[in-house]
Amino acid sequence: FLRTFGLTSLEELPPMDRTAADAEET
């Protein structure tokens, strides 16, 4: 997965849009 998406670690994933995620969890 890391190689396919050109990442060296999961910390390089773009930040998640917390507003949408919080709304979905609510």
PDB file of all heavy atoms in Angstrom:
ATOM      1  N   PHE A   1       0.838  -1.196   0.000  1.00  0.00           N
ATOM      2  CA  PHE A   1       0.000   0.000   0.000  1.00  0.00           C
ATOM      3  C   PHE A   1       0.877   1.250   0.000  1.00  0.00           C
ATOM      4  O   PHE A   1       0.662   2.178  -0.781  1.00  0.00           O
ATOM      5  CB  PHE A   1      -0.924  -0.008   1.221  1.00  0.00           C
ATOM      6  CG  PHE A   1      -1.581   1.312   1.525  1.00  0.00           C
ATOM      7  CD1 PHE A   1      -2.688   1.737   0.821  1.00  0.00           C
ATOM      8  CD2 PHE A   1      -1.076   2.145   2.518  1.00  0.00           C
ATOM      9  CE1 PHE A   1      -3.287   2.957   1.096  1.00  0.00           C
ATOM     10  CE2 PHE A   1      -1.664   3.354   2.808  1.00  0.00           C
ATOM     11  CZ  PHE A   1      -2.777   3.768   2.085  1.00  0.00           C
ATOM     12  N   LEU A   2       1.880   1.265   0.882  1.00  0.00           N
ATOM     13  CA  LEU A   2       2.778   2.421   0.965  1.00  0.00           C
ATOM     14  C   LEU A   2       3.490   2.642  -0.368  1.00  0.00           C
ATOM     15  O   LEU A   2       3.563   3.769  -0.862  1.00  0.00           O
ATOM     16  CB  LEU A   2       3.794   2.237   2.090  1.00  0.00           C
ATOM     17  CG  LEU A   2       3.241   2.197   3.519  1.00  0.00           C
ATOM     18  CD1 LEU A   2       4.347   1.850   4.507  1.00  0.00           C
ATOM     19  CD2 LEU A   2       2.576   3.500   3.887  1.00  0.00           C
ATOM     20  N   ARG A   3       4.027   1.555  -0.957  1.00  0.00           N
ATOM     21  CA  ARG A   3       4.723   1.678  -2.244  1.00  0.00           C
ATOM     22  C   ARG A   3       3.791   2.162  -3.336  1.00  0.00           C
ATOM     23  O   ARG A   3       4.148   3.031  -4.128  1.00  0.00           O
ATOM     24  CB  ARG A   3       5.319   0.324  -2.657  1.00  0.00           C
ATOM     25  CG  ARG A   3       6.631  -0.005  -2.032  1.00  0.00           C
ATOM     26  CD  ARG A   3       7.279  -1.205  -2.692  1.00  0.00           C
ATOM     27  NE  ARG A   3       6.409  -2.368  -2.719  1.00  0.00           N
ATOM     28  CZ  ARG A   3       6.244  -3.225  -1.713  1.00  0.00           C
ATOM     29  NH1 ARG A   3       6.891  -3.048  -0.589  1.00  0.00           N
ATOM     30  NH2 ARG A   3       5.455  -4.267  -1.838  1.00  0.00           N
ATOM     31  N   THR A   4       2.586   1.595  -3.395  1.00  0.00           N
ATOM     32  CA  THR A   4       1.626   1.945  -4.442  1.00  0.00           C
ATOM     33  C   THR A   4       1.278   3.422  -4.410  1.00  0.00           C
ATOM     34  O   THR A   4       1.155   4.065  -5.450  1.00  0.00           O
ATOM     35  CB  THR A   4       0.341   1.099  -4.300  1.00  0.00           C
ATOM     36  OG1 THR A   4       0.690  -0.281  -4.403  1.00  0.00           O
ATOM     37  CG2 THR A   4      -0.677   1.448  -5.358  1.00  0.00           C
ATOM     38  N   PHE A   5       1.158   3.970  -3.216  1.00  0.00           N
ATOM     39  CA  PHE A   5       0.765   5.372  -3.091  1.00  0.00           C
ATOM     40  C   PHE A   5       1.943   6.302  -2.826  1.00  0.00           C
ATOM     41  O   PHE A   5       1.763   7.486  -2.549  1.00  0.00           O
ATOM     42  CB  PHE A   5      -0.318   5.515  -2.011  1.00  0.00           C
ATOM     43  CG  PHE A   5      -1.623   4.909  -2.443  1.00  0.00           C
ATOM     44  CD1 PHE A   5      -1.934   3.603  -2.118  1.00  0.00           C
ATOM     45  CD2 PHE A   5      -2.510   5.621  -3.221  1.00  0.00           C
ATOM     46  CE1 PHE A   5      -3.123   3.024  -2.540  1.00  0.00           C
ATOM     47  CE2 PHE A   5      -3.696   5.063  -3.657  1.00  0.00           C
ATOM     48  CZ  PHE A   5      -4.002   3.754  -3.314  1.00  0.00           C
ATOM     49  N   GLY A   6       3.170   5.781  -2.920  1.00  0.00           N
ATOM     50  CA  GLY A   6       4.370   6.615  -2.797  1.00  0.00           C
ATOM     51  C   GLY A   6       4.570   7.192  -1.413  1.00  0.00           C
ATOM     52  O   GLY A   6       5.058   8.312  -1.276  1.00  0.00           O
ATOM     53  N   LEU A   7       4.215   6.446  -0.382  1.00  0.00           N
ATOM     54  CA  LEU A   7       4.356   6.905   0.997  1.00  0.00           C
ATOM     55  C   LEU A   7       5.486   6.153   1.685  1.00  0.00           C
ATOM     56  O   LEU A   7       5.744   4.996   1.368  1.00  0.00           O
ATOM     57  CB  LEU A   7       3.050   6.654   1.771  1.00  0.00           C
ATOM     58  CG  LEU A   7       1.772   7.262   1.199  1.00  0.00           C
ATOM     59  CD1 LEU A   7       0.561   6.729   1.936  1.00  0.00           C
ATOM     60  CD2 LEU A   7       1.824   8.771   1.283  1.00  0.00           C
ATOM     61  N   THR A   8       6.147   6.810   2.624  1.00  0.00           N
ATOM     62  CA  THR A   8       7.146   6.103   3.417  1.00  0.00           C
ATOM     63  C   THR A   8       6.563   5.638   4.740  1.00  0.00           C
ATOM     64  O   THR A   8       7.083   4.723   5.353  1.00  0.00           O
ATOM     65  CB  THR A   8       8.394   6.973   3.691  1.00  0.00           C
ATOM     66  OG1 THR A   8       7.981   8.161   4.347  1.00  0.00           O
ATOM     67  CG2 THR A   8       9.122   7.291   2.401  1.00  0.00           C
ATOM     68  N   SER A   9       5.487   6.291   5.193  1.00  0.00           N
ATOM     69  CA  SER A   9       4.807   5.859   6.415  1.00  0.00           C
ATOM     70  C   SER A   9       3.372   6.375   6.381  1.00  0.00           C
ATOM     71  O   SER A   9       3.025   7.251   5.578  1.00  0.00           O
ATOM     72  CB  SER A   9       5.517   6.387   7.664  1.00  0.00           C
ATOM     73  OG  SER A   9       5.300   7.761   7.804  1.00  0.00           O
ATOM     74  N   LEU A  10       2.559   5.845   7.270  1.00  0.00           N
ATOM     75  CA  LEU A  10       1.158   6.248   7.322  1.00  0.00           C
ATOM     76  C   LEU A  10       0.991   7.698   7.774  1.00  0.00           C
ATOM     77  O   LEU A  10      -0.037   8.311   7.504  1.00  0.00           O
ATOM     78  CB  LEU A  10       0.386   5.315   8.260  1.00  0.00           C
ATOM     79  CG  LEU A  10       0.258   3.883   7.752  1.00  0.00           C
ATOM     80  CD1 LEU A  10      -0.330   2.989   8.830  1.00  0.00           C
ATOM     81  CD2 LEU A  10      -0.561   3.821   6.490  1.00  0.00           C
ATOM     82  N   GLU A  11       1.999   8.247   8.446  1.00  0.00           N
ATOM     83  CA  GLU A  11       1.920   9.641   8.875  1.00  0.00           C
ATOM     84  C   GLU A  11       1.845  10.594   7.679  1.00  0.00           C
ATOM     85  O   GLU A  11       1.462  11.747   7.829  1.00  0.00           O
ATOM     86  CB  GLU A  11       3.115  10.014   9.763  1.00  0.00           C
ATOM     87  CG  GLU A  11       3.028   9.464  11.178  1.00  0.00           C
ATOM     88  CD  GLU A  11       3.391   7.994  11.267  1.00  0.00           C
ATOM     89  OE1 GLU A  11       4.330   7.558  10.578  1.00  0.00           O
ATOM     90  OE2 GLU A  11       2.705   7.279  12.014  1.00  0.00           O
ATOM     91  N   GLU A  12       2.243  10.128   6.510  1.00  0.00           N
ATOM     92  CA  GLU A  12       2.207  10.973   5.313  1.00  0.00           C
ATOM     93  C   GLU A  12       0.833  11.013   4.647  1.00  0.00           C
ATOM     94  O   GLU A  12       0.645  11.729   3.669  1.00  0.00           O
ATOM     95  CB  GLU A  12       3.245  10.494   4.301  1.00  0.00           C
ATOM     96  CG  GLU A  12       4.658  10.731   4.740  1.00  0.00           C
ATOM     97  CD  GLU A  12       5.672  10.300   3.694  1.00  0.00           C
ATOM     98  OE1 GLU A  12       5.284   9.913   2.572  1.00  0.00           O
ATOM     99  OE2 GLU A  12       6.868  10.346   4.006  1.00  0.00           O
ATOM    100  N   LEU A  13      -0.131  10.251   5.185  1.00  0.00           N
ATOM    101  CA  LEU A  13      -1.486  10.327   4.636  1.00  0.00           C
ATOM    102  C   LEU A  13      -1.995  11.755   4.816  1.00  0.00           C
ATOM    103  O   LEU A  13      -1.738  12.381   5.849  1.00  0.00           O
ATOM    104  CB  LEU A  13      -2.424   9.363   5.369  1.00  0.00           C
ATOM    105  CG  LEU A  13      -2.292   7.891   5.018  1.00  0.00           C
ATOM    106  CD1 LEU A  13      -3.138   7.047   5.971  1.00  0.00           C
ATOM    107  CD2 LEU A  13      -2.697   7.629   3.589  1.00  0.00           C
ATOM    108  N   PRO A  14      -2.716  12.263   3.842  1.00  0.00           N
ATOM    109  CA  PRO A  14      -3.239  13.624   4.012  1.00  0.00           C
ATOM    110  C   PRO A  14      -4.196  13.686   5.198  1.00  0.00           C
ATOM    111  O   PRO A  14      -4.851  12.684   5.512  1.00  0.00           O
ATOM    112  CB  PRO A  14      -3.965  13.907   2.695  1.00  0.00           C
ATOM    113  CG  PRO A  14      -4.080  12.615   1.990  1.00  0.00           C
ATOM    114  CD  PRO A  14      -3.096  11.664   2.584  1.00  0.00           C
ATOM    115  N   PRO A  15      -4.270  14.827   5.858  1.00  0.00           N
ATOM    116  CA  PRO A  15      -5.165  14.914   7.012  1.00  0.00           C
ATOM    117  C   PRO A  15      -6.613  14.712   6.571  1.00  0.00           C
ATOM    118  O   PRO A  15      -7.009  15.134   5.485  1.00  0.00           O
ATOM    119  CB  PRO A  15      -4.945  16.327   7.558  1.00  0.00           C
ATOM    120  CG  PRO A  15      -4.236  17.069   6.488  1.00  0.00           C
ATOM    121  CD  PRO A  15      -3.575  16.079   5.594  1.00  0.00           C
ATOM    122  N   MET A  16      -7.360  14.047   7.430  1.00  0.00           N
ATOM    123  CA  MET A  16      -8.751  13.777   7.130  1.00  0.00           C
ATOM    124  C   MET A  16      -9.563  15.028   7.424  1.00  0.00           C
ATOM    125  O   MET A  16      -9.274  15.756   8.377  1.00  0.00           O
ATOM    126  CB  MET A  16      -9.232  12.609   7.994  1.00  0.00           C
ATOM    127  CG  MET A  16     -10.546  12.084   7.558  1.00  0.00           C
ATOM    128  SD  MET A  16     -11.066  10.540   8.356  1.00  0.00           S
ATOM    129  CE  MET A  16     -10.112  10.407   9.804  1.00  0.00           C
ATOM    130  N   ASP A  17     -10.581  15.275   6.621  1.00  0.00           N
ATOM    131  CA  ASP A  17     -11.486  16.391   6.855  1.00  0.00           C
ATOM    132  C   ASP A  17     -12.307  16.055   8.090  1.00  0.00           C
ATOM    133  O   ASP A  17     -13.277  15.306   8.023  1.00  0.00           O
ATOM    134  CB  ASP A  17     -12.393  16.614   5.632  1.00  0.00           C
ATOM    135  CG  ASP A  17     -13.373  17.755   5.822  1.00  0.00           C
ATOM    136  OD1 ASP A  17     -13.256  18.491   6.828  1.00  0.00           O
ATOM    137  OD2 ASP A  17     -14.254  17.916   4.962  1.00  0.00           O
ATOM    138  N   ARG A  18     -11.873  16.568   9.244  1.00  0.00           N
ATOM    139  CA  ARG A  18     -12.499  16.208  10.516  1.00  0.00           C
ATOM    140  C   ARG A  18     -13.955  16.657  10.584  1.00  0.00           C
ATOM    141  O   ARG A  18     -14.765  16.024  11.234  1.00  0.00           O
ATOM    142  CB  ARG A  18     -11.721  16.804  11.693  1.00  0.00           C
ATOM    143  CG  ARG A  18     -10.391  16.162  11.958  1.00  0.00           C
ATOM    144  CD  ARG A  18     -10.409  14.658  12.120  1.00  0.00           C
ATOM    145  NE  ARG A  18     -11.400  14.172  13.057  1.00  0.00           N
ATOM    146  CZ  ARG A  18     -11.744  12.911  13.193  1.00  0.00           C
ATOM    147  NH1 ARG A  18     -11.217  11.989  12.445  1.00  0.00           N
ATOM    148  NH2 ARG A  18     -12.653  12.535  14.066  1.00  0.00           N
ATOM    149  N   THR A  19     -14.321  17.747   9.907  1.00  0.00           N
ATOM    150  CA  THR A  19     -15.695  18.221   9.960  1.00  0.00           C
ATOM    151  C   THR A  19     -16.627  17.167   9.396  1.00  0.00           C
ATOM    152  O   THR A  19     -17.629  16.812   9.998  1.00  0.00           O
ATOM    153  CB  THR A  19     -15.842  19.537   9.168  1.00  0.00           C
ATOM    154  OG1 THR A  19     -14.858  20.446   9.639  1.00  0.00           O
ATOM    155  CG2 THR A  19     -17.215  20.122   9.337  1.00  0.00           C
ATOM    156  N   ALA A  20     -16.273  16.612   8.233  1.00  0.00           N
ATOM    157  CA  ALA A  20     -17.107  15.585   7.607  1.00  0.00           C
ATOM    158  C   ALA A  20     -17.088  14.313   8.447  1.00  0.00           C
ATOM    159  O   ALA A  20     -18.117  13.659   8.639  1.00  0.00           O
ATOM    160  CB  ALA A  20     -16.622  15.301   6.192  1.00  0.00           C
ATOM    161  N   ALA A  21     -15.921  13.935   8.973  1.00  0.00           N
ATOM    162  CA  ALA A  21     -15.810  12.722   9.772  1.00  0.00           C
ATOM    163  C   ALA A  21     -16.605  12.853  11.068  1.00  0.00           C
ATOM    164  O   ALA A  21     -17.296  11.927  11.472  1.00  0.00           O
ATOM    165  CB  ALA A  21     -14.346  12.419  10.067  1.00  0.00           C
ATOM    166  N   ASP A  22     -16.525  14.023  11.721  1.00  0.00           N
ATOM    167  CA  ASP A  22     -17.265  14.247  12.957  1.00  0.00           C
ATOM    168  C   ASP A  22     -18.760  14.217  12.704  1.00  0.00           C
ATOM    169  O   ASP A  22     -19.528  13.663  13.478  1.00  0.00           O
ATOM    170  CB  ASP A  22     -16.865  15.574  13.609  1.00  0.00           C
ATOM    171  CG  ASP A  22     -15.447  15.533  14.170  1.00  0.00           C
ATOM    172  OD1 ASP A  22     -14.909  14.430  14.355  1.00  0.00           O
ATOM    173  OD2 ASP A  22     -14.889  16.619  14.400  1.00  0.00           O
ATOM    174  N   ALA A  23     -19.191  14.816  11.594  1.00  0.00           N
ATOM    175  CA  ALA A  23     -20.607  14.813  11.247  1.00  0.00           C
ATOM    176  C   ALA A  23     -21.092  13.392  10.999  1.00  0.00           C
ATOM    177  O   ALA A  23     -22.185  13.006  11.428  1.00  0.00           O
ATOM    178  CB  ALA A  23     -20.858  15.684  10.018  1.00  0.00           C
ATOM    179  N   GLU A  24     -20.284  12.602  10.321  1.00  0.00           N
ATOM    180  CA  GLU A  24     -20.652  11.211  10.041  1.00  0.00           C
ATOM    181  C   GLU A  24     -20.728  10.407  11.336  1.00  0.00           C
ATOM    182  O   GLU A  24     -21.668   9.636  11.527  1.00  0.00           O
ATOM    183  CB  GLU A  24     -19.627  10.596   9.084  1.00  0.00           C
ATOM    184  CG  GLU A  24     -20.022   9.217   8.604  1.00  0.00           C
ATOM    185  CD  GLU A  24     -19.088   8.724   7.524  1.00  0.00           C
ATOM    186  OE1 GLU A  24     -18.642   9.533   6.698  1.00  0.00           O
ATOM    187  OE2 GLU A  24     -18.809   7.516   7.523  1.00  0.00           O
ATOM    188  N   GLU A  25     -19.760  10.587  12.241  1.00  0.00           N
ATOM    189  CA  GLU A  25     -19.784   9.869  13.509  1.00  0.00           C
ATOM    190  C   GLU A  25     -20.994  10.273  14.341  1.00  0.00           C
ATOM    191  O   GLU A  25     -21.630   9.438  14.973  1.00  0.00           O
ATOM    192  CB  GLU A  25     -18.491  10.118  14.287  1.00  0.00           C
ATOM    193  CG  GLU A  25     -17.293   9.409  13.704  1.00  0.00           C
ATOM    194  CD  GLU A  25     -15.998   9.740  14.428  1.00  0.00           C
ATOM    195  OE1 GLU A  25     -16.049  10.291  15.537  1.00  0.00           O
ATOM    196  OE2 GLU A  25     -14.930   9.440  13.853  1.00  0.00           O
ATOM    197  N   THR A  26     -21.344  11.552  14.319  1.00  0.00           N
ATOM    198  CA  THR A  26     -22.521  12.031  15.037  1.00  0.00           C
ATOM    199  C   THR A  26     -23.770  11.389  14.470  1.00  0.00           C
ATOM    200  O   THR A  26     -24.640  10.932  15.207  1.00  0.00           O
ATOM    201  CB  THR A  26     -22.616  13.565  14.965  1.00  0.00           C
ATOM    202  OG1 THR A  26     -21.425  14.114  15.513  1.00  0.00           O
ATOM    203  CG2 THR A  26     -23.835  14.079  15.713  1.00  0.00           C
TER     204      THR A  26
END
